[in-house]
N, C-alpha and C. Protein backbone atom coordinates (compact mmCIF):
# COMPACT_ATOMS: atom_id res chain seq x y z
N MET A 1 18.81 9.37 -7.65
CA MET A 1 17.61 8.98 -7.15
C MET A 1 16.52 9.92 -7.39
N SER A 2 15.24 9.37 -7.59
CA SER A 2 14.10 10.06 -7.83
C SER A 2 13.71 10.91 -6.60
N ASP A 3 13.04 12.05 -6.67
CA ASP A 3 12.38 12.61 -5.53
C ASP A 3 10.93 12.47 -5.43
N ARG A 4 10.43 11.73 -6.36
CA ARG A 4 9.02 11.28 -6.39
C ARG A 4 8.81 10.14 -5.25
N VAL A 5 7.58 10.19 -4.78
CA VAL A 5 7.25 9.15 -3.84
C VAL A 5 6.94 7.89 -4.59
N ARG A 6 7.65 6.77 -4.07
CA ARG A 6 7.47 5.47 -4.61
C ARG A 6 6.32 4.77 -3.82
N VAL A 7 5.37 4.23 -4.65
CA VAL A 7 4.20 3.75 -3.92
C VAL A 7 4.10 2.27 -4.48
N LEU A 8 3.90 1.33 -3.56
CA LEU A 8 3.62 -0.01 -4.09
C LEU A 8 2.23 -0.42 -3.91
N LEU A 9 1.41 -0.85 -4.82
CA LEU A 9 0.02 -1.20 -4.77
C LEU A 9 -0.13 -2.66 -4.77
N VAL A 10 -0.82 -3.33 -3.77
CA VAL A 10 -0.89 -4.74 -3.43
C VAL A 10 -2.43 -5.04 -3.42
N ASP A 11 -2.88 -5.66 -4.49
CA ASP A 11 -4.24 -5.87 -4.51
C ASP A 11 -4.62 -6.92 -5.62
N ASP A 12 -5.33 -8.04 -5.24
CA ASP A 12 -5.64 -9.12 -6.07
C ASP A 12 -6.63 -8.82 -7.17
N ASN A 13 -7.33 -7.62 -7.15
CA ASN A 13 -8.33 -7.29 -8.07
C ASN A 13 -7.57 -6.44 -9.08
N ASP A 14 -7.43 -7.06 -10.31
CA ASP A 14 -6.66 -6.35 -11.20
C ASP A 14 -7.16 -5.04 -11.67
N GLU A 15 -8.50 -4.95 -11.95
CA GLU A 15 -9.27 -3.70 -12.28
C GLU A 15 -8.92 -2.59 -11.20
N ALA A 16 -9.23 -3.02 -10.05
CA ALA A 16 -9.01 -1.96 -8.95
C ALA A 16 -7.55 -1.44 -8.85
N ARG A 17 -6.72 -2.39 -9.06
CA ARG A 17 -5.25 -1.92 -8.87
C ARG A 17 -4.87 -1.23 -10.03
N GLU A 18 -5.28 -1.49 -11.09
CA GLU A 18 -4.96 -0.62 -12.40
C GLU A 18 -5.48 0.73 -12.42
N SER A 19 -6.86 0.75 -11.95
CA SER A 19 -7.34 2.17 -11.87
C SER A 19 -6.62 3.00 -10.81
N LEU A 20 -6.33 2.35 -9.63
CA LEU A 20 -5.52 3.25 -8.65
C LEU A 20 -4.17 3.58 -9.25
N ARG A 21 -3.42 2.67 -9.96
CA ARG A 21 -2.30 2.81 -10.51
C ARG A 21 -2.27 4.19 -11.43
N LEU A 22 -3.18 4.09 -12.37
CA LEU A 22 -3.33 5.09 -13.30
C LEU A 22 -3.68 6.52 -12.68
N LEU A 23 -4.40 6.59 -11.59
CA LEU A 23 -4.60 7.79 -10.89
C LEU A 23 -3.36 8.27 -10.22
N LEU A 24 -2.73 7.38 -9.56
CA LEU A 24 -1.39 7.77 -8.70
C LEU A 24 -0.32 8.30 -9.76
N GLU A 25 -0.31 7.62 -10.84
CA GLU A 25 0.63 8.08 -11.84
C GLU A 25 0.34 9.51 -12.45
N VAL A 26 -0.96 9.73 -12.73
CA VAL A 26 -1.39 11.10 -13.07
C VAL A 26 -1.05 12.10 -12.04
N TRP A 27 -0.96 11.71 -10.72
CA TRP A 27 -0.78 12.63 -9.71
C TRP A 27 0.91 12.75 -9.41
N GLY A 28 1.63 11.92 -10.26
CA GLY A 28 3.05 12.18 -10.19
C GLY A 28 3.80 11.15 -9.31
N PHE A 29 3.00 10.14 -8.62
CA PHE A 29 3.67 9.22 -7.96
C PHE A 29 4.39 8.13 -8.82
N GLU A 30 5.46 7.56 -8.39
CA GLU A 30 6.22 6.26 -9.03
C GLU A 30 5.45 5.16 -8.48
N VAL A 31 4.88 4.24 -9.39
CA VAL A 31 4.05 3.21 -8.77
C VAL A 31 4.57 1.82 -9.30
N GLU A 32 4.59 0.81 -8.38
CA GLU A 32 4.91 -0.58 -8.63
C GLU A 32 3.58 -1.26 -8.19
N GLU A 33 3.45 -2.51 -8.89
CA GLU A 33 2.22 -3.20 -8.41
C GLU A 33 2.56 -4.61 -8.15
N ALA A 34 1.66 -5.24 -7.27
CA ALA A 34 1.69 -6.69 -7.08
C ALA A 34 0.29 -7.16 -6.92
N ALA A 35 0.06 -8.41 -7.48
CA ALA A 35 -1.36 -9.01 -7.54
C ALA A 35 -1.66 -9.88 -6.41
N GLY A 36 -0.83 -9.82 -5.30
CA GLY A 36 -1.30 -10.64 -4.12
C GLY A 36 -0.23 -10.39 -3.05
N GLY A 37 -0.51 -11.11 -1.94
CA GLY A 37 0.32 -10.96 -0.70
C GLY A 37 1.75 -11.27 -0.83
N PRO A 38 2.05 -12.61 -1.23
CA PRO A 38 3.45 -13.04 -1.43
C PRO A 38 4.17 -12.06 -2.51
N GLU A 39 3.53 -11.88 -3.53
CA GLU A 39 4.12 -11.04 -4.56
C GLU A 39 4.42 -9.57 -4.09
N GLY A 40 3.30 -9.16 -3.21
CA GLY A 40 3.58 -7.83 -2.66
C GLY A 40 4.77 -7.75 -1.77
N VAL A 41 5.03 -8.69 -0.91
CA VAL A 41 6.11 -8.74 0.04
C VAL A 41 7.35 -8.74 -0.94
N ASN A 42 7.50 -9.74 -1.83
CA ASN A 42 8.71 -9.75 -2.74
C ASN A 42 9.00 -8.37 -3.39
N ARG A 43 7.97 -7.79 -3.96
CA ARG A 43 8.16 -6.53 -4.59
C ARG A 43 8.62 -5.42 -3.67
N ALA A 44 8.04 -5.34 -2.41
CA ALA A 44 8.53 -4.38 -1.58
C ALA A 44 9.96 -4.51 -1.12
N LEU A 45 10.46 -5.74 -1.01
CA LEU A 45 11.86 -6.01 -0.71
C LEU A 45 12.71 -5.54 -1.92
N GLU A 46 12.26 -5.88 -3.10
CA GLU A 46 13.01 -5.42 -4.27
C GLU A 46 13.05 -3.90 -4.49
N CYS A 47 11.84 -3.29 -4.44
CA CYS A 47 11.79 -1.78 -4.86
C CYS A 47 11.96 -0.91 -3.66
N ARG A 48 11.64 -1.35 -2.45
CA ARG A 48 11.79 -0.54 -1.25
C ARG A 48 11.02 0.82 -1.35
N PRO A 49 9.60 0.60 -1.43
CA PRO A 49 8.81 1.82 -1.64
C PRO A 49 8.81 2.83 -0.43
N ASP A 50 8.48 3.86 -0.67
CA ASP A 50 8.09 4.89 0.47
C ASP A 50 6.86 4.52 1.09
N ALA A 51 5.87 4.07 0.25
CA ALA A 51 4.56 3.70 0.85
C ALA A 51 4.04 2.49 0.13
N ALA A 52 3.19 1.68 0.77
CA ALA A 52 2.47 0.62 0.16
C ALA A 52 1.10 0.74 0.55
N VAL A 53 0.17 0.56 -0.48
CA VAL A 53 -1.31 0.69 -0.34
C VAL A 53 -1.72 -0.82 -0.46
N VAL A 54 -2.23 -1.39 0.52
CA VAL A 54 -2.39 -2.79 0.51
C VAL A 54 -3.93 -3.12 0.76
N ASP A 55 -4.42 -3.75 -0.16
CA ASP A 55 -5.87 -4.38 0.07
C ASP A 55 -5.80 -5.57 1.30
N VAL A 56 -6.65 -5.47 2.14
CA VAL A 56 -6.72 -6.50 3.24
C VAL A 56 -7.23 -7.88 2.80
N GLU A 57 -8.27 -7.78 2.10
CA GLU A 57 -8.96 -9.13 1.81
C GLU A 57 -8.37 -9.76 0.46
N MET A 58 -7.39 -10.49 0.67
CA MET A 58 -6.76 -11.29 -0.44
C MET A 58 -6.66 -12.65 -0.08
N PRO A 59 -6.73 -13.56 -1.07
CA PRO A 59 -6.58 -15.05 -0.73
C PRO A 59 -5.12 -15.45 -0.46
N GLY A 60 -4.97 -16.43 0.31
CA GLY A 60 -3.54 -16.80 0.84
C GLY A 60 -3.04 -15.91 1.87
N LEU A 61 -2.05 -15.07 1.53
CA LEU A 61 -1.49 -14.12 2.47
C LEU A 61 -2.27 -12.77 2.33
N ASP A 62 -3.06 -12.50 3.45
CA ASP A 62 -3.94 -11.43 3.29
C ASP A 62 -3.09 -10.18 3.65
N GLY A 63 -3.63 -8.83 3.68
CA GLY A 63 -3.10 -7.59 3.87
C GLY A 63 -2.53 -7.55 5.17
N TYR A 64 -3.03 -8.14 6.17
CA TYR A 64 -2.56 -8.04 7.56
C TYR A 64 -1.21 -8.83 7.59
N GLY A 65 -1.20 -9.98 6.98
CA GLY A 65 0.14 -10.75 6.90
C GLY A 65 1.12 -10.04 6.04
N VAL A 66 0.82 -9.31 5.08
CA VAL A 66 1.73 -8.53 4.35
C VAL A 66 2.29 -7.34 5.17
N ALA A 67 1.57 -6.79 5.93
CA ALA A 67 1.90 -5.68 6.89
C ALA A 67 2.87 -6.18 7.84
N ARG A 68 2.53 -7.48 8.52
CA ARG A 68 3.39 -7.90 9.48
C ARG A 68 4.79 -8.27 8.99
N ARG A 69 4.81 -8.87 7.67
CA ARG A 69 6.11 -9.17 7.08
C ARG A 69 6.91 -8.07 6.79
N LEU A 70 6.25 -6.95 6.17
CA LEU A 70 7.01 -5.84 5.85
C LEU A 70 7.55 -5.14 7.02
N ARG A 71 6.85 -5.05 8.08
CA ARG A 71 7.41 -4.37 9.40
C ARG A 71 8.39 -5.19 9.85
N ALA A 72 8.48 -6.48 9.77
CA ALA A 72 9.50 -7.46 10.31
C ALA A 72 10.82 -7.28 9.44
N THR A 73 10.69 -6.99 8.14
CA THR A 73 11.79 -6.83 7.22
C THR A 73 12.29 -5.52 6.89
N LEU A 74 11.37 -4.52 6.87
CA LEU A 74 11.58 -3.23 6.38
C LEU A 74 11.52 -2.23 7.53
N GLY A 75 10.90 -2.66 8.57
CA GLY A 75 10.69 -1.80 9.89
C GLY A 75 9.85 -0.56 9.57
N GLU A 76 10.20 0.61 9.91
CA GLU A 76 9.38 1.74 9.80
C GLU A 76 9.86 2.49 8.58
N THR A 77 10.54 1.91 7.56
CA THR A 77 10.91 2.67 6.48
C THR A 77 9.86 2.82 5.40
N VAL A 78 8.86 2.02 5.57
CA VAL A 78 7.71 2.03 4.57
C VAL A 78 6.43 2.59 5.27
N HIS A 79 5.76 3.41 4.68
CA HIS A 79 4.38 3.92 5.24
C HIS A 79 3.26 2.93 4.73
N LEU A 80 2.67 2.22 5.53
CA LEU A 80 1.69 1.14 5.27
C LEU A 80 0.33 1.67 5.36
N VAL A 81 -0.49 1.64 4.28
CA VAL A 81 -1.91 2.02 4.13
C VAL A 81 -2.80 0.87 3.78
N ALA A 82 -3.65 0.54 4.69
CA ALA A 82 -4.73 -0.51 4.53
C ALA A 82 -5.79 0.08 3.85
N LEU A 83 -6.11 -0.48 2.48
CA LEU A 83 -7.25 0.05 1.81
C LEU A 83 -8.29 -1.08 1.73
N THR A 84 -9.45 -1.05 2.47
CA THR A 84 -10.15 -2.21 2.57
C THR A 84 -11.64 -1.84 2.92
N GLY A 85 -12.55 -2.84 2.59
CA GLY A 85 -13.88 -2.76 3.03
C GLY A 85 -14.13 -3.10 4.50
N ARG A 86 -13.08 -3.64 5.05
CA ARG A 86 -13.36 -4.09 6.54
C ARG A 86 -13.15 -2.83 7.45
N ASP A 87 -14.27 -2.59 8.18
CA ASP A 87 -14.22 -1.27 8.95
C ASP A 87 -13.57 -1.65 10.47
N ASN A 88 -12.48 -2.02 10.41
CA ASN A 88 -11.65 -2.42 11.67
C ASN A 88 -10.22 -1.75 11.73
N PRO A 89 -10.21 -0.47 11.99
CA PRO A 89 -8.86 0.07 12.02
C PRO A 89 -8.02 -0.35 13.10
N ALA A 90 -8.53 -0.76 14.17
CA ALA A 90 -7.72 -1.22 15.32
C ALA A 90 -6.94 -2.39 14.88
N GLU A 91 -7.60 -3.36 14.19
CA GLU A 91 -6.97 -4.57 13.68
C GLU A 91 -5.90 -4.20 12.69
N ALA A 92 -6.14 -3.26 11.81
CA ALA A 92 -5.07 -2.81 10.83
C ALA A 92 -3.85 -2.37 11.54
N LEU A 93 -4.20 -1.53 12.58
CA LEU A 93 -2.94 -0.89 13.24
C LEU A 93 -2.15 -1.95 13.95
N ARG A 94 -2.96 -2.95 14.67
CA ARG A 94 -2.07 -4.06 15.41
C ARG A 94 -1.36 -4.84 14.28
N ALA A 95 -1.78 -4.91 13.06
CA ALA A 95 -0.90 -5.74 12.10
C ALA A 95 0.26 -4.94 11.62
N GLY A 96 0.37 -3.63 11.87
CA GLY A 96 1.34 -2.77 11.51
C GLY A 96 1.19 -1.70 10.45
N PHE A 97 -0.15 -1.48 10.07
CA PHE A 97 -0.44 -0.53 9.07
C PHE A 97 -0.36 0.80 9.88
N ASP A 98 0.11 1.93 9.17
CA ASP A 98 0.03 3.24 9.71
C ASP A 98 -1.45 3.99 9.63
N ARG A 99 -2.04 3.61 8.62
CA ARG A 99 -3.39 4.21 8.32
C ARG A 99 -4.30 3.09 7.80
N HIS A 100 -5.58 3.37 7.94
CA HIS A 100 -6.69 2.51 7.57
C HIS A 100 -7.70 3.41 6.82
N LEU A 101 -7.82 3.05 5.52
CA LEU A 101 -8.83 3.78 4.67
C LEU A 101 -9.96 2.78 4.14
N LEU A 102 -11.09 3.10 4.38
CA LEU A 102 -12.19 2.23 3.90
C LEU A 102 -12.52 2.50 2.34
N LYS A 103 -12.69 1.49 1.69
CA LYS A 103 -13.20 1.47 0.29
C LYS A 103 -14.59 2.00 0.28
N PRO A 104 -15.01 2.74 -0.72
CA PRO A 104 -14.18 3.39 -1.73
C PRO A 104 -13.55 4.67 -1.05
N ALA A 105 -12.10 4.70 -1.09
CA ALA A 105 -11.40 5.77 -0.43
C ALA A 105 -11.70 7.16 -1.08
N ASP A 106 -11.76 8.08 -0.51
CA ASP A 106 -11.72 9.50 -1.06
C ASP A 106 -10.44 9.72 -1.76
N PRO A 107 -10.39 9.91 -3.12
CA PRO A 107 -9.11 10.01 -3.79
C PRO A 107 -8.18 11.15 -3.35
N GLU A 108 -8.90 12.28 -3.03
CA GLU A 108 -8.08 13.34 -2.47
C GLU A 108 -7.43 13.03 -1.20
N ALA A 109 -8.15 12.47 -0.28
CA ALA A 109 -7.51 12.09 0.99
C ALA A 109 -6.35 11.06 0.84
N LEU A 110 -6.48 10.23 -0.10
CA LEU A 110 -5.34 9.27 -0.47
C LEU A 110 -4.18 9.96 -0.94
N ARG A 111 -4.52 10.87 -1.95
CA ARG A 111 -3.54 11.73 -2.53
C ARG A 111 -2.62 12.50 -1.47
N GLN A 112 -3.40 13.26 -0.48
CA GLN A 112 -2.73 13.95 0.54
C GLN A 112 -1.99 13.11 1.46
N LEU A 113 -2.52 11.96 1.74
CA LEU A 113 -1.81 11.02 2.62
C LEU A 113 -0.42 10.64 2.02
N LEU A 114 -0.44 10.16 0.88
CA LEU A 114 0.75 9.68 0.13
C LEU A 114 1.73 10.80 -0.18
N ALA A 115 1.18 11.97 -0.45
CA ALA A 115 2.00 13.28 -0.71
C ALA A 115 2.86 13.74 0.51
N THR A 116 2.45 13.23 1.70
CA THR A 116 3.21 13.53 2.86
C THR A 116 4.28 12.57 3.09
N THR A 117 4.33 11.41 2.35
CA THR A 117 5.26 10.50 2.64
C THR A 117 6.51 11.01 1.91
N SER A 118 7.66 10.66 2.52
CA SER A 118 8.94 11.24 1.98
C SER A 118 9.36 10.39 0.89
N GLY A 119 9.84 10.94 -0.22
CA GLY A 119 10.36 10.46 -1.45
C GLY A 119 11.94 10.32 -1.07
N ALA A 120 12.46 9.20 -1.78
CA ALA A 120 13.93 9.06 -1.49
C ALA A 120 14.83 9.88 -2.42
């Protein structure tokens, strides 16, 4: 098994997801991607990430729905980070997120947050 932190990125914006993926990989994280809510839930169940960075505003199954489903299936084994333009951390926490970061997030703050997540 790898000792690198495995991160799942769930965002329907291809450019935003790709940019964040490249940055996280440069920092040494192992990264998986999903282009929307249902795909994000399925990828999380397949790859069992240490952390998931989830956009809240997505069509269909939004980030709050993703968080609720992941908590119901994976419990506390995954660290959930809401990355959003919505300034409503209380709603994110109620949905099951561990942290709420406003876009554009400070890259160093995100790196430190993910670096404290245990790798498998």
